[in-house]
């Protein structure tokens, strides 16, 4: 004859199903969070690289101020740039604008330069 303790020694199917439902809910939340954070990290990487490229293009344009546009050389061919030089409100100064784009992300840097450099 079996004792009562033998029947109560394991988990019921209902308890196992509830535990699996809780674990799956937690895993789905974790995967969603990781996916979101990877997207944020990718966007920050693009904006950081675009900022570095814009600063470099601004430095180059300060030496030889001319309005241009195009793409950066390898390995940054997916980044496009545009430089503009226009009159400033301040006498003897011009406004240099460098715009760098990749996909939906855009970085715009502006600086005043002396017209003596032009």
N, C-alpha and C. Protein backbone atom coordinates (compact mmCIF):
# COMPACT_ATOMS: atom_id res chain seq x y z
N UNK A 1 0.83 -1.16 0.00
CA UNK A 1 0.00 0.00 0.00
C UNK A 1 0.89 1.25 0.00
N UNK A 2 0.54 2.24 -0.83
CA UNK A 2 1.32 3.48 -0.93
C UNK A 2 0.93 4.45 0.15
N UNK A 3 1.89 5.19 0.58
CA UNK A 3 1.62 6.23 1.56
C UNK A 3 1.19 7.52 0.87
N UNK A 4 0.59 8.38 1.61
CA UNK A 4 0.14 9.67 1.08
C UNK A 4 1.33 10.54 0.65
N UNK A 5 2.45 10.43 1.31
CA UNK A 5 3.63 11.23 0.99
C UNK A 5 4.16 10.92 -0.40
N UNK A 6 3.98 9.70 -0.90
CA UNK A 6 4.45 9.34 -2.24
C UNK A 6 3.71 10.12 -3.32
N UNK A 7 2.46 10.43 -3.10
CA UNK A 7 1.68 11.15 -4.10
C UNK A 7 1.99 12.64 -4.12
N UNK A 8 2.47 13.20 -3.06
CA UNK A 8 2.70 14.64 -2.95
C UNK A 8 4.17 15.01 -3.13
N UNK A 9 4.99 14.13 -3.60
CA UNK A 9 6.43 14.41 -3.67
C UNK A 9 6.85 15.23 -4.89
N UNK A 10 6.02 15.41 -5.90
CA UNK A 10 6.41 16.14 -7.10
C UNK A 10 5.54 17.37 -7.33
N UNK A 11 5.82 18.06 -8.48
CA UNK A 11 5.02 19.22 -8.85
C UNK A 11 3.85 18.77 -9.70
N UNK A 12 2.77 19.50 -9.62
CA UNK A 12 1.62 19.21 -10.47
C UNK A 12 1.84 19.86 -11.83
N UNK A 13 1.09 19.41 -12.80
CA UNK A 13 1.21 19.97 -14.15
C UNK A 13 0.86 21.46 -14.14
N UNK A 14 -0.11 21.84 -13.38
CA UNK A 14 -0.50 23.24 -13.29
C UNK A 14 0.63 24.10 -12.73
N UNK A 15 1.32 23.64 -11.72
CA UNK A 15 2.44 24.38 -11.15
C UNK A 15 3.57 24.54 -12.16
N UNK A 16 3.87 23.51 -12.92
CA UNK A 16 4.91 23.56 -13.94
C UNK A 16 4.52 24.54 -15.04
N UNK A 17 3.26 24.52 -15.47
CA UNK A 17 2.81 25.43 -16.53
C UNK A 17 2.85 26.88 -16.07
N UNK A 18 2.50 27.16 -14.84
CA UNK A 18 2.57 28.52 -14.32
C UNK A 18 4.02 29.00 -14.25
N UNK A 19 4.91 28.13 -13.81
CA UNK A 19 6.33 28.49 -13.74
C UNK A 19 6.88 28.77 -15.14
N UNK A 20 6.51 27.97 -16.13
CA UNK A 20 6.97 28.20 -17.50
C UNK A 20 6.40 29.50 -18.07
N UNK A 21 5.16 29.82 -17.74
CA UNK A 21 4.56 31.08 -18.20
C UNK A 21 5.29 32.28 -17.61
N UNK A 22 5.63 32.22 -16.34
CA UNK A 22 6.36 33.32 -15.70
C UNK A 22 7.74 33.46 -16.31
N UNK A 23 8.45 32.37 -16.51
CA UNK A 23 9.79 32.41 -17.09
C UNK A 23 9.74 32.94 -18.52
N UNK A 24 8.76 32.50 -19.31
CA UNK A 24 8.68 32.97 -20.70
C UNK A 24 8.35 34.47 -20.75
N UNK A 25 7.51 34.95 -19.84
CA UNK A 25 7.23 36.39 -19.78
C UNK A 25 8.48 37.19 -19.46
N UNK A 26 9.26 36.71 -18.53
CA UNK A 26 10.51 37.39 -18.18
C UNK A 26 11.51 37.37 -19.33
N UNK A 27 11.60 36.25 -20.03
CA UNK A 27 12.53 36.15 -21.17
C UNK A 27 12.11 37.08 -22.31
N UNK A 28 10.81 37.17 -22.57
CA UNK A 28 10.34 38.09 -23.62
C UNK A 28 10.66 39.54 -23.26
N UNK A 29 10.47 39.89 -22.01
CA UNK A 29 10.82 41.25 -21.56
C UNK A 29 12.31 41.51 -21.71
N UNK A 30 13.11 40.54 -21.33
CA UNK A 30 14.56 40.68 -21.43
C UNK A 30 15.01 40.80 -22.89
N UNK A 31 14.46 39.99 -23.79
CA UNK A 31 14.84 40.07 -25.20
C UNK A 31 14.42 41.40 -25.82
N UNK A 32 13.23 41.89 -25.46
CA UNK A 32 12.79 43.19 -25.96
C UNK A 32 13.70 44.31 -25.50
N UNK A 33 14.11 44.26 -24.26
CA UNK A 33 15.01 45.28 -23.71
C UNK A 33 16.37 45.24 -24.38
N UNK A 34 16.91 44.05 -24.58
CA UNK A 34 18.22 43.91 -25.24
C UNK A 34 18.14 44.43 -26.67
N UNK A 35 17.06 44.10 -27.39
CA UNK A 35 16.90 44.56 -28.76
C UNK A 35 16.83 46.09 -28.82
N UNK A 36 16.09 46.70 -27.91
CA UNK A 36 15.99 48.16 -27.86
C UNK A 36 17.36 48.79 -27.58
N UNK A 37 18.08 48.24 -26.62
CA UNK A 37 19.39 48.80 -26.26
C UNK A 37 20.41 48.63 -27.39
N UNK A 38 20.32 47.55 -28.15
CA UNK A 38 21.21 47.40 -29.31
C UNK A 38 20.92 48.46 -30.37
N UNK A 39 19.64 48.79 -30.56
CA UNK A 39 19.28 49.85 -31.49
C UNK A 39 19.82 51.20 -31.04
N UNK A 40 19.71 51.48 -29.74
CA UNK A 40 20.24 52.74 -29.20
C UNK A 40 21.75 52.80 -29.37
N UNK A 41 22.43 51.69 -29.11
CA UNK A 41 23.89 51.66 -29.24
C UNK A 41 24.30 51.88 -30.70
N UNK A 42 23.57 51.31 -31.65
CA UNK A 42 23.89 51.50 -33.06
C UNK A 42 23.69 52.96 -33.46
N UNK A 43 22.61 53.59 -32.98
CA UNK A 43 22.37 55.00 -33.29
C UNK A 43 23.47 55.88 -32.72
N UNK A 44 23.91 55.60 -31.51
CA UNK A 44 24.99 56.39 -30.90
C UNK A 44 26.30 56.20 -31.67
N UNK A 45 26.54 55.00 -32.15
CA UNK A 45 27.75 54.76 -32.95
C UNK A 45 27.72 55.59 -34.23
N UNK A 46 26.57 55.62 -34.90
CA UNK A 46 26.44 56.40 -36.14
C UNK A 46 26.62 57.89 -35.86
N UNK A 47 25.98 58.39 -34.80
CA UNK A 47 26.10 59.82 -34.48
C UNK A 47 27.52 60.19 -34.07
N UNK A 48 28.20 59.32 -33.35
CA UNK A 48 29.58 59.60 -32.95
C UNK A 48 30.49 59.65 -34.17
N UNK A 49 30.37 58.68 -35.06
CA UNK A 49 31.21 58.67 -36.26
C UNK A 49 30.88 59.87 -37.15
N UNK A 50 29.61 60.21 -37.28
CA UNK A 50 29.22 61.38 -38.09
C UNK A 50 29.80 62.66 -37.49
N UNK A 51 29.83 62.76 -36.17
CA UNK A 51 30.41 63.94 -35.52
C UNK A 51 31.91 64.04 -35.79
N UNK A 52 32.61 62.92 -35.69
CA UNK A 52 34.05 62.92 -35.98
C UNK A 52 34.32 63.30 -37.43
N UNK A 53 33.54 62.73 -38.35
CA UNK A 53 33.72 63.04 -39.77
C UNK A 53 33.39 64.51 -40.05
N UNK A 54 32.37 65.06 -39.40
CA UNK A 54 32.00 66.47 -39.60
C UNK A 54 33.10 67.38 -39.08
N UNK A 55 33.67 67.06 -37.94
CA UNK A 55 34.77 67.88 -37.40
C UNK A 55 35.98 67.85 -38.32
N UNK A 56 36.28 66.68 -38.87
CA UNK A 56 37.41 66.57 -39.80
C UNK A 56 37.13 67.37 -41.07
N UNK A 57 35.92 67.26 -41.59
CA UNK A 57 35.56 68.00 -42.80
C UNK A 57 35.59 69.51 -42.55
N UNK A 58 35.18 69.92 -41.35
CA UNK A 58 35.22 71.34 -41.01
C UNK A 58 36.66 71.85 -40.97
N UNK A 59 37.55 71.05 -40.38
CA UNK A 59 38.96 71.42 -40.32
C UNK A 59 39.54 71.56 -41.73
N UNK A 60 39.21 70.61 -42.62
CA UNK A 60 39.70 70.67 -44.00
C UNK A 60 39.14 71.88 -44.74
N UNK A 61 37.86 72.19 -44.49
CA UNK A 61 37.22 73.30 -45.19
C UNK A 61 37.72 74.64 -44.69
N UNK A 62 38.13 74.71 -43.42
CA UNK A 62 38.71 75.96 -42.90
C UNK A 62 39.98 76.32 -43.66
N UNK A 63 40.76 75.32 -44.04
CA UNK A 63 42.00 75.56 -44.78
C UNK A 63 41.72 76.05 -46.20
N UNK A 64 40.72 75.43 -46.84
CA UNK A 64 40.36 75.79 -48.21
C UNK A 64 38.85 75.94 -48.27
N UNK A 65 38.32 77.11 -47.88
CA UNK A 65 36.87 77.28 -47.78
C UNK A 65 36.17 77.30 -49.13
N UNK A 66 35.42 76.27 -49.40
CA UNK A 66 34.63 76.18 -50.61
C UNK A 66 33.41 75.30 -50.31
N UNK A 67 32.25 75.63 -50.92
CA UNK A 67 31.05 74.83 -50.72
C UNK A 67 31.13 73.59 -51.59
N UNK A 68 30.97 72.42 -50.96
CA UNK A 68 31.05 71.14 -51.68
C UNK A 68 30.04 70.17 -51.10
N UNK A 69 29.90 69.04 -51.78
CA UNK A 69 29.13 67.93 -51.24
C UNK A 69 29.64 66.63 -51.85
N UNK A 70 29.31 65.53 -51.21
CA UNK A 70 29.77 64.23 -51.69
C UNK A 70 29.73 63.19 -50.58
N UNK A 71 30.46 62.12 -50.81
CA UNK A 71 30.56 61.05 -49.81
C UNK A 71 32.00 60.95 -49.32
N UNK A 72 32.15 60.41 -48.14
CA UNK A 72 33.48 60.21 -47.58
C UNK A 72 34.13 58.99 -48.23
N UNK A 73 35.47 58.93 -48.21
CA UNK A 73 36.15 57.76 -48.79
C UNK A 73 35.97 56.52 -47.91
N UNK A 74 36.45 55.39 -48.43
CA UNK A 74 36.39 54.12 -47.69
C UNK A 74 36.99 54.28 -46.32
N UNK A 75 36.52 53.70 -45.31
CA UNK A 75 35.37 52.80 -45.18
C UNK A 75 34.08 53.51 -44.79
N UNK A 76 33.98 54.82 -45.07
CA UNK A 76 32.81 55.59 -44.64
C UNK A 76 31.98 56.07 -45.82
N UNK A 77 31.89 55.28 -46.86
CA UNK A 77 31.18 55.69 -48.07
C UNK A 77 29.68 55.85 -47.86
N UNK A 78 29.13 55.29 -46.80
CA UNK A 78 27.69 55.45 -46.55
C UNK A 78 27.38 56.75 -45.80
N UNK A 79 28.39 57.54 -45.49
CA UNK A 79 28.21 58.86 -44.88
C UNK A 79 28.36 59.92 -45.97
N UNK A 80 27.36 60.79 -46.10
CA UNK A 80 27.41 61.88 -47.09
C UNK A 80 27.64 63.20 -46.36
N UNK A 81 28.29 64.15 -47.06
CA UNK A 81 28.56 65.45 -46.45
C UNK A 81 28.17 66.57 -47.39
N UNK A 82 27.94 67.75 -46.79
CA UNK A 82 27.71 68.98 -47.55
C UNK A 82 28.33 70.11 -46.76
N UNK A 83 29.14 70.92 -47.41
CA UNK A 83 29.71 72.10 -46.77
C UNK A 83 29.15 73.34 -47.46
N UNK A 84 28.81 74.33 -46.66
CA UNK A 84 28.29 75.59 -47.19
C UNK A 84 29.02 76.75 -46.53
N UNK A 85 29.31 77.75 -47.33
CA UNK A 85 29.90 78.98 -46.81
C UNK A 85 28.98 80.12 -47.25
N UNK A 86 28.50 80.89 -46.28
CA UNK A 86 27.63 82.02 -46.61
C UNK A 86 27.98 83.21 -45.74
N UNK A 87 27.49 84.35 -46.16
CA UNK A 87 27.76 85.59 -45.45
C UNK A 87 27.18 85.52 -44.04
N UNK A 88 27.90 86.10 -43.11
CA UNK A 88 27.46 86.15 -41.72
C UNK A 88 26.86 87.52 -41.43
N UNK A 89 26.15 87.63 -40.33
CA UNK A 89 25.63 88.92 -39.87
C UNK A 89 26.74 89.81 -39.33
N UNK A 90 27.86 89.20 -39.00
CA UNK A 90 28.99 89.93 -38.42
C UNK A 90 29.95 90.36 -39.52
N UNK A 91 30.37 91.61 -39.52
CA UNK A 91 31.27 92.09 -40.58
C UNK A 91 32.60 91.36 -40.56
N UNK A 92 33.09 91.03 -41.72
CA UNK A 92 34.38 90.37 -41.86
C UNK A 92 34.36 88.88 -41.53
N UNK A 93 33.15 88.31 -41.33
CA UNK A 93 33.05 86.89 -40.98
C UNK A 93 32.13 86.18 -41.97
N UNK A 94 32.41 84.91 -42.18
CA UNK A 94 31.54 84.03 -42.96
C UNK A 94 31.12 82.87 -42.07
N UNK A 95 29.97 82.29 -42.41
CA UNK A 95 29.46 81.15 -41.64
C UNK A 95 29.73 79.86 -42.42
N UNK A 96 30.45 78.96 -41.78
CA UNK A 96 30.76 77.65 -42.38
C UNK A 96 29.84 76.63 -41.74
N UNK A 97 29.10 75.90 -42.58
CA UNK A 97 28.19 74.85 -42.10
C UNK A 97 28.59 73.53 -42.74
N UNK A 98 28.78 72.52 -41.90
CA UNK A 98 29.09 71.17 -42.37
C UNK A 98 27.95 70.25 -41.92
N UNK A 99 27.36 69.55 -42.89
CA UNK A 99 26.27 68.61 -42.61
C UNK A 99 26.73 67.22 -43.01
N UNK A 100 26.61 66.26 -42.11
CA UNK A 100 26.96 64.87 -42.39
C UNK A 100 25.72 64.02 -42.13
N UNK A 101 25.38 63.14 -43.11
CA UNK A 101 24.19 62.30 -43.01
C UNK A 101 24.54 60.83 -43.22
N UNK A 102 23.83 60.00 -42.49
CA UNK A 102 23.83 58.56 -42.75
C UNK A 102 22.44 58.06 -42.44
N UNK A 103 21.72 57.63 -43.45
CA UNK A 103 20.34 57.18 -43.23
C UNK A 103 19.48 58.32 -42.72
N UNK A 104 18.82 58.10 -41.58
CA UNK A 104 17.95 59.11 -40.98
C UNK A 104 18.70 60.06 -40.06
N UNK A 105 19.92 59.74 -39.73
CA UNK A 105 20.69 60.53 -38.76
C UNK A 105 21.46 61.65 -39.46
N UNK A 106 21.44 62.84 -38.85
CA UNK A 106 22.11 64.01 -39.41
C UNK A 106 22.85 64.74 -38.31
N UNK A 107 24.08 65.16 -38.61
CA UNK A 107 24.87 65.99 -37.70
C UNK A 107 25.21 67.27 -38.45
N UNK A 108 24.92 68.42 -37.81
CA UNK A 108 25.19 69.72 -38.41
C UNK A 108 26.10 70.51 -37.48
N UNK A 109 27.25 70.96 -38.02
CA UNK A 109 28.17 71.81 -37.26
C UNK A 109 28.28 73.16 -37.96
N UNK A 110 28.28 74.23 -37.17
CA UNK A 110 28.40 75.58 -37.73
C UNK A 110 29.54 76.30 -37.02
N UNK A 111 30.22 77.17 -37.80
CA UNK A 111 31.34 77.92 -37.23
C UNK A 111 31.49 79.22 -38.02
N UNK A 112 31.94 80.24 -37.31
CA UNK A 112 32.25 81.51 -37.97
C UNK A 112 33.74 81.51 -38.31
N UNK A 113 34.05 81.91 -39.54
CA UNK A 113 35.45 82.02 -39.96
C UNK A 113 35.66 83.42 -40.54
N UNK A 114 36.88 83.90 -40.44
CA UNK A 114 37.21 85.21 -40.99
C UNK A 114 37.26 85.16 -42.50
N UNK A 115 36.80 86.22 -43.15
CA UNK A 115 36.81 86.25 -44.60
C UNK A 115 38.22 86.35 -45.16
N UNK A 116 39.17 86.71 -44.35
CA UNK A 116 40.56 86.75 -44.80
C UNK A 116 41.02 85.37 -45.23
N UNK A 117 40.39 84.31 -44.64
CA UNK A 117 40.76 82.95 -45.01
C UNK A 117 40.19 82.56 -46.37
N UNK A 118 39.19 83.30 -46.84
CA UNK A 118 38.53 82.91 -48.10
C UNK A 118 39.30 83.41 -49.29
